C-alpha atoms as a PDB file:
ATOM      1  CA  MET A   1      17.880  63.946  66.178  1.00  0.00           C
ATOM      2  CA  ALA A   2      15.585  64.970  63.343  1.00  0.00           C
ATOM      3  CA  ASP A   3      13.075  66.296  65.886  1.00  0.00           C
ATOM      4  CA  GLU A   4      15.754  68.532  67.402  1.00  0.00           C
ATOM      5  CA  LYS A   5      16.533  70.041  64.003  1.00  0.00           C
ATOM      6  CA  LYS A   6      12.834  70.670  63.352  1.00  0.00           C
ATOM      7  CA  LYS A   7      12.494  72.393  66.728  1.00  0.00           C
ATOM      8  CA  ALA A   8      15.536  74.558  66.050  1.00  0.00           C
ATOM      9  CA  VAL A   9      14.151  75.581  62.663  1.00  0.00           C
ATOM     10  CA  THR A  10      10.730  76.258  64.157  1.00  0.00           C
ATOM     11  CA  LYS A  11      12.199  78.402  66.935  1.00  0.00           C
ATOM     12  CA  SER A  12      14.362  80.453  64.610  1.00  0.00           C
ATOM     13  CA  THR A  13      11.527  81.184  62.189  1.00  0.00           C
ATOM     14  CA  ALA A  14       9.133  81.950  65.025  1.00  0.00           C
ATOM     15  CA  ALA A  15      11.523  84.607  66.326  1.00  0.00           C
ATOM     16  CA  VAL A  16      11.412  86.493  63.022  1.00  0.00           C
ATOM     17  CA  LYS A  17       8.215  88.520  62.832  1.00  0.00           C
ATOM     18  CA  LYS A  18       7.200  90.570  59.834  1.00  0.00           C
ATOM     19  CA  GLU A  19       4.525  93.210  59.810  1.00  0.00           C
ATOM     20  CA  ASP A  20       1.553  92.301  57.674  1.00  0.00           C
ATOM     21  CA  LYS A  21       1.135  95.747  56.146  1.00  0.00           C
ATOM     22  CA  LYS A  22       3.442  98.678  55.654  1.00  0.00           C
ATOM     23  CA  LEU A  23       2.548 101.859  57.506  1.00  0.00           C
ATOM     24  CA  GLY A  24       1.865 105.043  55.592  1.00  0.00           C
ATOM     25  CA  PHE A  25       4.347 107.897  55.410  1.00  0.00           C
ATOM     26  CA  PHE A  26       2.789 110.043  58.168  1.00  0.00           C
ATOM     27  CA  ALA A  27       2.132 106.991  60.347  1.00  0.00           C
ATOM     28  CA  ARG A  28       5.837 106.089  60.122  1.00  0.00           C
ATOM     29  CA  ILE A  29       6.820 109.650  61.059  1.00  0.00           C
ATOM     30  CA  GLY A  30       4.450 109.557  64.038  1.00  0.00           C
ATOM     31  CA  LYS A  31       5.801 106.168  65.103  1.00  0.00           C
ATOM     32  CA  TRP A  32       9.356 107.500  64.851  1.00  0.00           C
ATOM     33  CA  PHE A  33       8.545 110.444  67.129  1.00  0.00           C
ATOM     34  CA  ARG A  34       6.780 108.186  69.645  1.00  0.00           C
ATOM     35  CA  ASP A  35       9.742 105.790  69.684  1.00  0.00           C
ATOM     36  CA  MET A  36      12.158 108.695  70.079  1.00  0.00           C
ATOM     37  CA  ALA A  37      10.165 110.108  73.013  1.00  0.00           C
ATOM     38  CA  ASN A  38      10.136 106.692  74.693  1.00  0.00           C
ATOM     39  CA  GLU A  39      13.906 106.355  74.265  1.00  0.00           C
ATOM     40  CA  LEU A  40      14.508 109.847  75.669  1.00  0.00           C
ATOM     41  CA  LYS A  41      12.519 108.898  78.784  1.00  0.00           C
ATOM     42  CA  ARG A  42      14.965 106.027  79.379  1.00  0.00           C
ATOM     43  CA  VAL A  43      18.110 108.113  78.992  1.00  0.00           C
ATOM     44  CA  GLU A  44      20.153 108.580  82.140  1.00  0.00           C
ATOM     45  CA  TRP A  45      20.975 112.286  81.969  1.00  0.00           C
ATOM     46  CA  PRO A  46      24.216 113.440  83.627  1.00  0.00           C
ATOM     47  CA  THR A  47      24.204 115.598  86.714  1.00  0.00           C
ATOM     48  CA  PRO A  48      25.566 119.157  86.347  1.00  0.00           C
ATOM     49  CA  LYS A  49      28.706 118.114  88.249  1.00  0.00           C
ATOM     50  CA  LYS A  50      29.316 115.127  85.946  1.00  0.00           C
ATOM     51  CA  LEU A  51      28.603 117.280  82.886  1.00  0.00           C
ATOM     52  CA  MET A  52      31.191 119.860  83.998  1.00  0.00           C
ATOM     53  CA  HIS A  53      33.732 117.118  84.681  1.00  0.00           C
ATOM     54  CA  ASN A  54      33.233 115.545  81.236  1.00  0.00           C
ATOM     55  CA  THR A  55      33.387 118.979  79.558  1.00  0.00           C
ATOM     56  CA  LEU A  56      36.685 119.809  81.265  1.00  0.00           C
ATOM     57  CA  ILE A  57      38.144 116.456  80.240  1.00  0.00           C
ATOM     58  CA  ALA A  58      37.078 117.028  76.628  1.00  0.00           C
ATOM     59  CA  LEU A  59      38.599 120.528  76.599  1.00  0.00           C
ATOM     60  CA  ALA A  60      41.858 119.205  78.081  1.00  0.00           C
ATOM     61  CA  VAL A  61      42.090 116.459  75.473  1.00  0.00           C
ATOM     62  CA  MET A  62      41.467 118.987  72.687  1.00  0.00           C
ATOM     63  CA  ALA A  63      44.157 121.319  74.075  1.00  0.00           C
ATOM     64  CA  VAL A  64      46.714 118.504  74.299  1.00  0.00           C
ATOM     65  CA  SER A  65      45.805 117.370  70.777  1.00  0.00           C
ATOM     66  CA  ALA A  66      46.264 120.926  69.466  1.00  0.00           C
ATOM     67  CA  VAL A  67      49.717 121.164  71.065  1.00  0.00           C
ATOM     68  CA  VAL A  68      50.777 117.791  69.643  1.00  0.00           C
ATOM     69  CA  LEU A  69      49.475 118.712  66.182  1.00  0.00           C
ATOM     70  CA  ALA A  70      51.272 122.078  66.318  1.00  0.00           C
ATOM     71  CA  GLY A  71      54.470 120.231  67.282  1.00  0.00           C
ATOM     72  CA  PHE A  72      54.146 117.889  64.308  1.00  0.00           C
ATOM     73  CA  ASP A  73      53.498 120.871  62.057  1.00  0.00           C
ATOM     74  CA  TRP A  74      56.570 122.685  63.378  1.00  0.00           C
ATOM     75  CA  VAL A  75      58.783 119.597  62.848  1.00  0.00           C
ATOM     76  CA  ALA A  76      57.435 119.073  59.326  1.00  0.00           C
ATOM     77  CA  ARG A  77      58.014 122.744  58.444  1.00  0.00           C
ATOM     78  CA  LEU A  78      61.559 122.503  59.825  1.00  0.00           C
ATOM     79  CA  LEU A  79      62.236 119.398  57.710  1.00  0.00           C
ATOM     80  CA  VAL A  80      60.875 121.011  54.536  1.00  0.00           C
ATOM     81  CA  ASP A  81      62.925 124.175  55.135  1.00  0.00           C
ATOM     82  CA  THR A  82      66.055 122.096  55.768  1.00  0.00           C
ATOM     83  CA  ILE A  83      65.532 120.031  52.621  1.00  0.00           C
ATOM     84  CA  SER A  84      64.977 123.161  50.541  1.00  0.00           C
ATOM     85  CA  VAL A  85      68.185 124.742  51.913  1.00  0.00           C
ATOM     86  CA  ILE A  86      70.139 121.566  51.165  1.00  0.00           C
ATOM     87  CA  ALA A  87      68.660 121.422  47.652  1.00  0.00           C
ATOM     88  CA  GLY A  88      69.718 125.022  47.124  1.00  0.00           C
ATOM     89  CA  LYS A  89      66.212 126.421  46.620  1.00  0.00           C
ATOM     90  CA  GLY A  90      65.958 128.305  49.864  1.00  0.00           C
END
């Protein structure tokens, strides 16, 4: 049982790896650009058809959201106008 705990501790500390020395400022910038370029190579870019489809969906959602927001605004304005008429200030 004690051996199992030692193995678990050894495995968990072995998984954590620290760099011995910190890279310089320009070396870190260069590493960042290299990492970014490698990630961009792995990206699955959409086809023009898929891009158009996603764009149309986004535009439709924005249009529906604008209509709903305008409806809420209209109802709120109606309520405020009604309250001001009832209060005698309108």
